[in-house]
Amino acid sequence: MRTEIYRWMTGPMGVLRVTLPLAAAALCAGCGLAGTTVAAGTGAAAEVQQAQQAKQTEDRVKRELDQAQQAAAAQRDAAESQGK
């Protein structure tokens, strides 16, 4: 039984369909494009990590600011209650 994939791979252009992508990959690896792609991927991963760290820092600063505001409010309340 001949499937569509079999006919596609063994047709008159079948050899080219297989070898052209392999040749393109080999050329890209030879000229350094593959290394550039890997470097770009690594850079993107580093940017994601930096963004996560920035978000964590922002959350920490917000928590500390809220705590400082609550402490200041408690201090004002204590001062007002002593003044009465």
N, C-alpha and C. Protein backbone atom coordinates (compact mmCIF):
# COMPACT_ATOMS: atom_id res chain seq x y z
N MET A 1 0.85 -1.17 0.00
CA MET A 1 0.00 0.00 0.00
C MET A 1 0.90 1.24 0.00
N ARG A 2 0.70 2.09 -0.93
CA ARG A 2 1.49 3.31 -1.08
C ARG A 2 0.76 4.47 -0.42
N THR A 3 1.40 5.04 0.54
CA THR A 3 0.78 6.18 1.21
C THR A 3 1.23 7.47 0.54
N GLU A 4 0.56 8.55 0.91
CA GLU A 4 0.92 9.86 0.35
C GLU A 4 2.35 10.23 0.71
N ILE A 5 2.74 9.95 1.94
CA ILE A 5 4.10 10.29 2.37
C ILE A 5 5.13 9.50 1.57
N TYR A 6 4.85 8.21 1.34
CA TYR A 6 5.78 7.39 0.56
C TYR A 6 5.91 7.94 -0.85
N ARG A 7 4.78 8.28 -1.46
CA ARG A 7 4.82 8.83 -2.81
C ARG A 7 5.54 10.19 -2.83
N TRP A 8 5.33 10.98 -1.78
CA TRP A 8 5.98 12.29 -1.70
C TRP A 8 7.50 12.13 -1.59
N MET A 9 7.95 11.14 -0.80
CA MET A 9 9.39 10.93 -0.59
C MET A 9 10.07 10.25 -1.78
N THR A 10 9.33 9.42 -2.52
CA THR A 10 9.97 8.66 -3.59
C THR A 10 9.67 9.22 -4.97
N GLY A 11 8.92 10.30 -5.04
CA GLY A 11 8.59 10.89 -6.33
C GLY A 11 9.83 11.47 -7.00
N PRO A 12 9.64 12.11 -8.13
CA PRO A 12 10.79 12.64 -8.87
C PRO A 12 11.59 13.67 -8.09
N MET A 13 10.96 14.38 -7.19
CA MET A 13 11.67 15.38 -6.40
C MET A 13 11.98 14.88 -4.99
N GLY A 14 11.75 13.62 -4.72
CA GLY A 14 11.91 13.07 -3.38
C GLY A 14 13.30 13.26 -2.80
N VAL A 15 14.32 13.03 -3.62
CA VAL A 15 15.69 13.17 -3.14
C VAL A 15 15.97 14.62 -2.76
N LEU A 16 15.50 15.54 -3.57
CA LEU A 16 15.71 16.96 -3.26
C LEU A 16 14.97 17.38 -2.00
N ARG A 17 13.79 16.83 -1.80
CA ARG A 17 13.01 17.17 -0.61
C ARG A 17 13.72 16.75 0.67
N VAL A 18 14.52 15.74 0.58
CA VAL A 18 15.24 15.27 1.76
C VAL A 18 16.60 15.96 1.88
N THR A 19 17.30 16.10 0.77
CA THR A 19 18.67 16.62 0.85
C THR A 19 18.75 18.15 0.98
N LEU A 20 17.81 18.88 0.42
CA LEU A 20 17.88 20.34 0.51
C LEU A 20 17.82 20.84 1.95
N PRO A 21 16.89 20.39 2.79
CA PRO A 21 16.91 20.86 4.18
C PRO A 21 18.20 20.47 4.91
N LEU A 22 18.71 19.29 4.63
CA LEU A 22 19.96 18.87 5.27
C LEU A 22 21.12 19.75 4.80
N ALA A 23 21.16 20.07 3.51
CA ALA A 23 22.22 20.93 3.00
C ALA A 23 22.10 22.34 3.58
N ALA A 24 20.88 22.84 3.69
CA ALA A 24 20.69 24.18 4.26
C ALA A 24 21.16 24.20 5.72
N ALA A 25 20.84 23.16 6.46
CA ALA A 25 21.28 23.09 7.86
C ALA A 25 22.80 23.04 7.96
N ALA A 26 23.42 22.29 7.06
CA ALA A 26 24.88 22.19 7.07
C ALA A 26 25.52 23.53 6.72
N LEU A 27 24.95 24.25 5.76
CA LEU A 27 25.49 25.56 5.39
C LEU A 27 25.35 26.55 6.53
N CYS A 28 24.21 26.52 7.19
CA CYS A 28 24.00 27.44 8.32
C CYS A 28 24.99 27.13 9.45
N ALA A 29 25.23 25.87 9.69
CA ALA A 29 26.17 25.50 10.74
C ALA A 29 27.59 25.93 10.34
N GLY A 30 27.90 25.84 9.07
CA GLY A 30 29.23 26.20 8.61
C GLY A 30 29.51 27.69 8.68
N CYS A 31 28.50 28.51 8.48
CA CYS A 31 28.74 29.96 8.47
C CYS A 31 28.53 30.59 9.84
N GLY A 32 28.19 29.81 10.83
CA GLY A 32 28.04 30.34 12.17
C GLY A 32 26.64 30.78 12.51
N LEU A 33 25.71 30.63 11.59
CA LEU A 33 24.33 31.03 11.86
C LEU A 33 23.71 30.18 12.96
N ALA A 34 24.06 28.91 12.99
CA ALA A 34 23.53 28.04 14.04
C ALA A 34 24.00 28.51 15.41
N GLY A 35 25.27 28.89 15.49
CA GLY A 35 25.80 29.40 16.76
C GLY A 35 25.14 30.70 17.17
N THR A 36 24.83 31.53 16.20
CA THR A 36 24.13 32.79 16.49
C THR A 36 22.75 32.51 17.02
N THR A 37 22.08 31.53 16.46
CA THR A 37 20.75 31.15 16.92
C THR A 37 20.79 30.65 18.35
N VAL A 38 21.78 29.84 18.66
CA VAL A 38 21.93 29.33 20.02
C VAL A 38 22.22 30.48 20.98
N ALA A 39 23.07 31.40 20.57
CA ALA A 39 23.40 32.55 21.42
C ALA A 39 22.17 33.41 21.64
N ALA A 40 21.36 33.60 20.62
CA ALA A 40 20.14 34.39 20.76
C ALA A 40 19.17 33.71 21.71
N GLY A 41 19.08 32.39 21.61
CA GLY A 41 18.21 31.64 22.52
C GLY A 41 18.69 31.74 23.95
N THR A 42 19.99 31.68 24.14
CA THR A 42 20.56 31.80 25.48
C THR A 42 20.32 33.21 26.03
N GLY A 43 20.48 34.21 25.18
CA GLY A 43 20.23 35.59 25.59
C GLY A 43 18.78 35.80 25.98
N ALA A 44 17.87 35.19 25.23
CA ALA A 44 16.45 35.32 25.55
C ALA A 44 16.13 34.67 26.89
N ALA A 45 16.76 33.53 27.15
CA ALA A 45 16.54 32.86 28.44
C ALA A 45 17.06 33.71 29.59
N ALA A 46 18.19 34.37 29.37
CA ALA A 46 18.75 35.25 30.40
C ALA A 46 17.83 36.45 30.64
N GLU A 47 17.23 36.97 29.58
CA GLU A 47 16.30 38.09 29.73
C GLU A 47 15.06 37.68 30.51
N VAL A 48 14.59 36.48 30.26
CA VAL A 48 13.42 35.98 31.01
C VAL A 48 13.77 35.87 32.49
N GLN A 49 14.95 35.36 32.78
CA GLN A 49 15.38 35.23 34.17
C GLN A 49 15.51 36.61 34.82
N GLN A 50 16.05 37.57 34.10
CA GLN A 50 16.17 38.93 34.64
C GLN A 50 14.80 39.53 34.90
N ALA A 51 13.85 39.28 34.01
CA ALA A 51 12.50 39.80 34.19
C ALA A 51 11.85 39.18 35.43
N GLN A 52 12.08 37.89 35.64
CA GLN A 52 11.53 37.23 36.83
C GLN A 52 12.15 37.81 38.10
N GLN A 53 13.44 38.04 38.07
CA GLN A 53 14.11 38.62 39.24
C GLN A 53 13.61 40.04 39.49
N ALA A 54 13.39 40.81 38.43
CA ALA A 54 12.88 42.17 38.58
C ALA A 54 11.48 42.14 39.19
N LYS A 55 10.66 41.20 38.77
CA LYS A 55 9.31 41.08 39.33
C LYS A 55 9.38 40.71 40.81
N GLN A 56 10.27 39.81 41.17
CA GLN A 56 10.43 39.43 42.57
C GLN A 56 10.89 40.63 43.39
N THR A 57 11.82 41.41 42.86
CA THR A 57 12.31 42.60 43.56
C THR A 57 11.18 43.61 43.73
N GLU A 58 10.39 43.81 42.68
CA GLU A 58 9.26 44.74 42.76
C GLU A 58 8.26 44.29 43.83
N ASP A 59 7.96 43.00 43.85
CA ASP A 59 7.03 42.49 44.86
C ASP A 59 7.58 42.69 46.28
N ARG A 60 8.88 42.44 46.46
CA ARG A 60 9.50 42.62 47.77
C ARG A 60 9.44 44.08 48.21
N VAL A 61 9.72 45.00 47.29
CA VAL A 61 9.70 46.43 47.63
C VAL A 61 8.28 46.86 47.99
N LYS A 62 7.29 46.35 47.26
CA LYS A 62 5.89 46.68 47.58
C LYS A 62 5.51 46.19 48.97
N ARG A 63 5.94 44.95 49.30
CA ARG A 63 5.65 44.42 50.64
C ARG A 63 6.31 45.27 51.72
N GLU A 64 7.56 45.65 51.50
CA GLU A 64 8.27 46.47 52.49
C GLU A 64 7.62 47.85 52.63
N LEU A 65 7.17 48.42 51.51
CA LEU A 65 6.50 49.71 51.56
C LEU A 65 5.18 49.61 52.33
N ASP A 66 4.42 48.56 52.07
CA ASP A 66 3.17 48.35 52.81
C ASP A 66 3.43 48.20 54.30
N GLN A 67 4.46 47.45 54.65
CA GLN A 67 4.80 47.27 56.07
C GLN A 67 5.20 48.60 56.70
N ALA A 68 5.96 49.42 55.97
CA ALA A 68 6.38 50.72 56.49
C ALA A 68 5.18 51.63 56.68
N GLN A 69 4.24 51.60 55.74
CA GLN A 69 3.04 52.42 55.85
C GLN A 69 2.18 51.97 57.04
N GLN A 70 2.08 50.67 57.24
CA GLN A 70 1.31 50.16 58.38
C GLN A 70 1.97 50.54 59.70
N ALA A 71 3.30 50.47 59.74
CA ALA A 71 4.02 50.86 60.96
C ALA A 71 3.84 52.34 61.24
N ALA A 72 3.88 53.17 60.21
CA ALA A 72 3.69 54.61 60.38
C ALA A 72 2.27 54.92 60.86
N ALA A 73 1.28 54.20 60.31
CA ALA A 73 -0.10 54.40 60.73
C ALA A 73 -0.28 53.99 62.19
N ALA A 74 0.34 52.89 62.58
CA ALA A 74 0.25 52.44 63.97
C ALA A 74 0.92 53.45 64.90
N GLN A 75 2.02 54.02 64.46
CA GLN A 75 2.73 55.01 65.26
C GLN A 75 1.88 56.29 65.42
N ARG A 76 1.23 56.72 64.34
CA ARG A 76 0.35 57.88 64.42
C ARG A 76 -0.82 57.62 65.36
N ASP A 77 -1.40 56.41 65.25
CA ASP A 77 -2.52 56.05 66.12
C ASP A 77 -2.08 56.08 67.60
N ALA A 78 -0.89 55.55 67.85
CA ALA A 78 -0.37 55.52 69.22
C ALA A 78 -0.13 56.94 69.73
N ALA A 79 0.40 57.81 68.86
CA ALA A 79 0.67 59.18 69.26
C ALA A 79 -0.65 59.93 69.51
N GLU A 80 -1.66 59.70 68.70
CA GLU A 80 -2.94 60.35 68.88
C GLU A 80 -3.63 59.88 70.17
N SER A 81 -3.51 58.59 70.44
CA SER A 81 -4.16 58.07 71.66
C SER A 81 -3.46 58.59 72.91
N GLN A 82 -2.17 58.86 72.84
CA GLN A 82 -1.45 59.41 74.00
C GLN A 82 -1.77 60.90 74.18
N GLY A 83 -2.07 61.59 73.09
CA GLY A 83 -2.34 63.01 73.15
C GLY A 83 -3.73 63.32 73.68
N LYS A 84 -4.62 62.38 73.71
CA LYS A 84 -5.97 62.63 74.18
C LYS A 84 -6.10 62.53 75.66
